[in-house]
Protein backbone atom coordinates (compact mmCIF):
# COMPACT_ATOMS: atom_id res chain seq x y z
CA MET A 1 9.85 8.41 -8.03
CA ALA A 2 11.28 5.06 -9.08
CA LEU A 3 9.98 1.85 -7.53
CA PRO A 4 12.52 -0.67 -6.17
CA PRO A 5 12.03 -4.15 -7.68
CA LYS A 6 11.05 -5.63 -4.31
CA PHE A 7 8.05 -3.28 -4.28
CA THR A 8 6.77 -4.10 -7.77
CA GLY A 9 3.59 -5.46 -6.21
CA HIS A 10 2.62 -1.84 -5.57
CA ARG A 11 2.36 -1.20 -9.33
CA LEU A 12 -0.43 -1.72 -11.85
CA THR A 13 -0.04 -0.68 -15.49
CA PHE A 14 -2.77 -0.04 -18.06
CA SER A 15 -2.05 0.47 -21.74
CA PRO A 16 -4.20 0.93 -24.85
CA ALA A 17 -3.78 -1.81 -27.42
CA SER A 18 -2.12 0.62 -29.81
CA ALA A 19 0.57 1.72 -27.34
CA SER A 20 4.08 0.36 -27.38
CA SER A 21 5.43 0.21 -23.84
CA SER A 22 8.96 0.19 -25.25
CA THR A 23 8.60 3.61 -26.84
CA ILE A 24 5.97 5.45 -24.77
CA SER A 25 6.68 6.48 -21.19
CA PRO A 26 3.53 6.01 -19.11
CA HIS A 27 1.84 8.62 -16.98
CA THR A 28 2.01 7.78 -13.29
CA ILE A 29 -0.54 8.17 -10.51
CA GLU A 30 0.92 7.50 -7.07
CA PHE A 31 -1.49 7.34 -4.16
CA TYR A 32 -0.08 7.54 -0.64
CA VAL A 33 -2.39 5.79 1.80
CA ASP A 34 -2.29 4.61 5.39
CA TYR A 35 -4.02 1.39 6.43
CA VAL A 36 -5.52 2.97 9.57
CA CYS A 37 -6.66 6.23 7.96
CA PRO A 38 -10.43 6.37 7.23
CA PHE A 39 -9.90 8.79 4.34
CA SER A 40 -7.34 6.44 2.79
CA THR A 41 -9.94 3.70 2.98
CA LYS A 42 -12.43 5.76 0.99
CA LEU A 43 -9.92 6.54 -1.75
CA PHE A 44 -8.55 3.00 -1.97
CA ASN A 45 -11.97 1.37 -2.03
CA THR A 46 -13.10 3.53 -4.94
CA LEU A 47 -9.92 2.77 -6.85
CA TYR A 48 -9.96 -0.95 -6.08
CA THR A 49 -13.63 -1.72 -6.59
CA SER A 50 -14.49 0.69 -9.39
CA VAL A 51 -11.65 2.59 -11.07
CA ILE A 52 -9.14 -0.25 -11.51
CA PRO A 53 -11.73 -2.65 -13.02
CA HIS A 54 -12.78 0.16 -15.37
CA LEU A 55 -9.17 0.76 -16.46
CA GLN A 56 -8.67 -2.96 -17.01
CA SER A 57 -11.68 -3.21 -19.28
CA SER A 58 -11.35 0.24 -20.87
CA PRO A 59 -7.67 1.31 -20.83
CA PRO A 60 -6.92 5.04 -21.04
CA SER A 61 -5.79 6.61 -24.31
CA ALA A 62 -2.16 6.62 -23.13
CA PRO A 63 -0.20 4.19 -20.92
CA LEU A 64 -0.82 4.70 -17.21
CA THR A 65 0.93 3.29 -14.17
CA LEU A 66 -0.87 3.26 -10.83
CA VAL A 67 1.37 2.99 -7.76
CA PHE A 68 0.21 2.16 -4.22
CA ARG A 69 2.49 4.04 -1.82
CA GLN A 70 2.42 2.78 1.75
CA GLN A 71 2.32 5.90 3.93
CA VAL A 72 3.15 5.23 7.58
CA GLN A 73 1.44 7.74 9.90
CA PRO A 74 3.29 7.53 13.25
CA TRP A 75 0.55 9.27 15.24
CA HIS A 76 -1.39 6.05 14.66
CA PRO A 77 0.90 3.62 16.55
CA SER A 78 -0.53 0.58 14.77
CA SER A 79 0.17 2.14 11.38
CA THR A 80 3.70 0.77 11.47
CA LEU A 81 2.48 -2.73 12.30
CA THR A 82 -0.13 -2.83 9.54
CA HIS A 83 2.31 -1.59 6.91
CA GLU A 84 4.85 -4.17 8.03
CA ALA A 85 2.17 -6.78 7.34
CA GLY A 86 1.76 -5.38 3.83
CA LEU A 87 5.50 -5.73 3.31
CA ALA A 88 5.42 -9.32 4.56
CA VAL A 89 2.68 -10.12 2.04
CA LEU A 90 4.75 -8.52 -0.74
CA ARG A 91 7.75 -10.65 0.11
CA LEU A 92 5.87 -13.93 0.45
CA THR A 93 3.90 -13.48 -2.79
CA GLY A 94 6.87 -12.45 -4.91
CA SER A 95 5.45 -8.93 -5.18
CA ASP A 96 2.28 -10.18 -6.90
CA PRO A 97 0.06 -7.07 -7.32
CA SER A 98 -3.16 -9.10 -7.24
CA LYS A 99 -2.24 -10.58 -3.84
CA PHE A 100 -0.96 -7.31 -2.40
CA TYR A 101 -4.02 -5.33 -3.48
CA ALA A 102 -6.37 -8.07 -2.23
CA PHE A 103 -4.67 -8.12 1.17
CA SER A 104 -4.78 -4.33 1.29
CA ALA A 105 -8.51 -4.42 0.54
CA ALA A 106 -9.05 -6.88 3.39
CA LEU A 107 -6.95 -4.78 5.76
CA PHE A 108 -8.78 -1.58 4.89
CA LYS A 109 -12.10 -3.39 5.41
CA ASP A 110 -10.92 -4.54 8.85
CA GLN A 111 -9.05 -1.32 9.71
CA LYS A 112 -11.10 -0.44 12.81
CA ALA A 113 -9.70 -3.57 14.44
CA TYR A 114 -6.34 -1.76 14.45
CA PHE A 115 -7.51 1.66 15.68
CA ASP A 116 -6.00 2.97 18.94
CA VAL A 117 -8.78 1.79 21.26
CA ASN A 118 -8.59 -1.74 19.87
CA VAL A 119 -4.82 -2.16 20.16
CA VAL A 120 -3.84 -0.08 23.20
CA ASN A 121 -3.86 -3.04 25.60
CA GLU A 122 -2.69 -5.64 23.08
CA PRO A 123 0.95 -6.82 23.00
CA ARG A 124 2.68 -5.99 19.72
CA ASN A 125 3.21 -9.61 18.73
CA ALA A 126 -0.48 -10.31 19.39
CA THR A 127 -1.36 -7.64 16.83
CA TYR A 128 1.05 -9.29 14.41
CA ARG A 129 -0.74 -12.58 15.03
CA ARG A 130 -4.03 -11.05 13.96
CA LEU A 131 -2.44 -9.53 10.86
CA ALA A 132 -0.88 -12.87 9.93
CA LYS A 133 -4.29 -14.52 10.27
CA LEU A 134 -5.79 -11.85 8.01
CA ALA A 135 -3.12 -12.59 5.39
CA LYS A 136 -4.07 -16.25 5.51
CA GLU A 137 -7.78 -15.57 5.25
CA SER A 138 -7.53 -12.94 2.49
CA VAL A 139 -4.81 -14.25 0.16
CA GLY A 140 -4.07 -17.78 1.39
CA LEU A 141 -0.61 -17.25 2.82
CA ASP A 142 0.84 -19.51 5.48
CA GLU A 143 -0.02 -17.76 8.75
CA GLU A 144 3.17 -18.87 10.48
CA GLU A 145 5.36 -17.70 7.62
CA VAL A 146 3.80 -14.25 7.80
CA TYR A 147 4.16 -14.14 11.56
CA LYS A 148 7.84 -15.12 11.36
CA LEU A 149 8.53 -12.01 9.29
CA LEU A 150 6.65 -9.77 11.71
CA ALA A 151 7.35 -11.06 15.21
CA VAL A 152 9.77 -9.18 17.44
CA ARG A 153 11.92 -11.25 19.78
CA ASP A 154 11.83 -10.59 23.52
CA THR A 155 15.52 -11.30 24.10
CA PRO A 156 18.61 -9.27 23.11
CA ALA A 157 20.28 -9.94 19.78
CA GLU A 158 23.59 -11.80 19.67
CA ASP A 159 25.49 -8.49 19.90
CA GLY A 160 23.44 -7.40 22.90
CA SER A 161 21.33 -4.83 21.02
CA LEU A 162 17.77 -4.32 22.19
CA ASN A 163 16.17 -2.51 19.23
CA VAL A 164 16.09 -5.66 17.16
CA GLY A 165 13.16 -4.91 14.83
CA ASN A 166 11.78 -7.68 12.64
CA GLU A 167 12.40 -9.21 9.24
CA VAL A 168 10.77 -6.36 7.30
CA THR A 169 12.21 -3.42 9.26
CA ASP A 170 14.69 -2.54 6.51
CA GLU A 171 11.94 -2.43 3.87
CA LEU A 172 9.85 -0.21 6.16
CA LYS A 173 12.75 2.23 6.46
CA VAL A 174 12.90 2.48 2.67
CA LEU A 175 9.18 3.25 2.45
CA VAL A 176 9.46 6.01 5.05
CA LYS A 177 12.52 7.49 3.34
CA MET A 178 10.80 7.59 -0.06
CA ALA A 179 7.79 9.46 1.36
CA ARG A 180 10.05 11.94 3.14
CA LEU A 181 12.02 12.61 -0.04
CA VAL A 182 8.89 13.88 -1.79
CA GLY A 183 7.54 15.67 1.29
CA VAL A 184 4.32 13.68 1.66
CA HIS A 185 2.70 14.22 5.05
CA VAL A 186 -1.06 13.63 5.06
CA SER A 187 -2.92 10.60 3.79
CA PRO A 188 -4.22 10.16 1.26
CA THR A 189 -2.01 12.20 -1.05
CA VAL A 190 -2.10 11.69 -4.82
CA ILE A 191 0.86 12.57 -7.04
CA PHE A 192 0.43 12.71 -10.82
CA ASP A 193 3.56 12.64 -12.96
CA GLY A 194 5.64 13.87 -10.02
CA VAL A 195 3.37 16.72 -8.92
CA VAL A 196 0.83 16.64 -6.06
CA ALA A 197 -2.70 16.59 -7.51
CA GLY A 198 -4.37 18.58 -4.75
CA GLU A 199 -7.71 18.63 -6.54
CA ILE A 200 -8.20 14.89 -6.03
CA SER A 201 -10.34 14.10 -2.98
CA SER A 202 -10.78 10.88 -1.03
CA SER A 203 -14.52 11.34 -1.65
CA TRP A 204 -14.21 11.24 -5.43
CA THR A 205 -16.58 8.86 -7.17
CA LYS A 206 -15.67 6.48 -9.97
CA GLU A 207 -17.17 8.94 -12.45
CA GLN A 208 -14.97 11.79 -11.19
CA TRP A 209 -11.86 9.63 -11.42
CA VAL A 210 -12.70 8.45 -14.93
CA GLU A 211 -13.37 12.00 -16.08
CA TRP A 212 -10.10 13.28 -14.58
CA ILE A 213 -8.05 10.43 -16.07
CA GLY A 214 -9.67 11.03 -19.46
CA LYS A 215 -8.56 14.68 -19.39
CA ASN A 216 -5.05 14.13 -18.04
CA VAL A 217 -3.84 10.77 -19.30
CA VAL A 218 -3.41 11.61 -22.97
């Protein structure tokens, strides 16, 4: 599925020196992950700490695009809030992949702080405050600027409406729609060149990923 320009921070591309990006269409690995899913954490951490550095130093034999797909899981109530924070980081960094992936790594590392038991008695805007602080600590963003994009007002809008959302609600709707269009339900889910790669497990090691990419990205 295509990636809207405002979400370009989700994308990383790796190409061999001999490849011409203007003439060769890259393979695409899309990984759908949820910030409060433990299995998503395992998959992301392996990709971020091991597989991506390997691909940067030893590109595959054919061009490859890796796409982070934010997968909101509504049975985790804080899932929405954490993904909104990811969208705020995207907007404030100009969709810089290095910043988005670094913030995502920090959020996955701190994910238990957003599990049900740790948010059930916390006001929504208080959770946003913590996420804004994490964005400051992990990628140097202005905490108040992040919070402004996330905070929900406690008064009716000018037209009297009460479901006012926040500044990234529209982007969140697009993310949810894109996942629904391809029928993704569980996290993590990996799609390779448009087809679900059910053999890929969240427990895969770097070596398993490298072997699989070597066989399929040709």
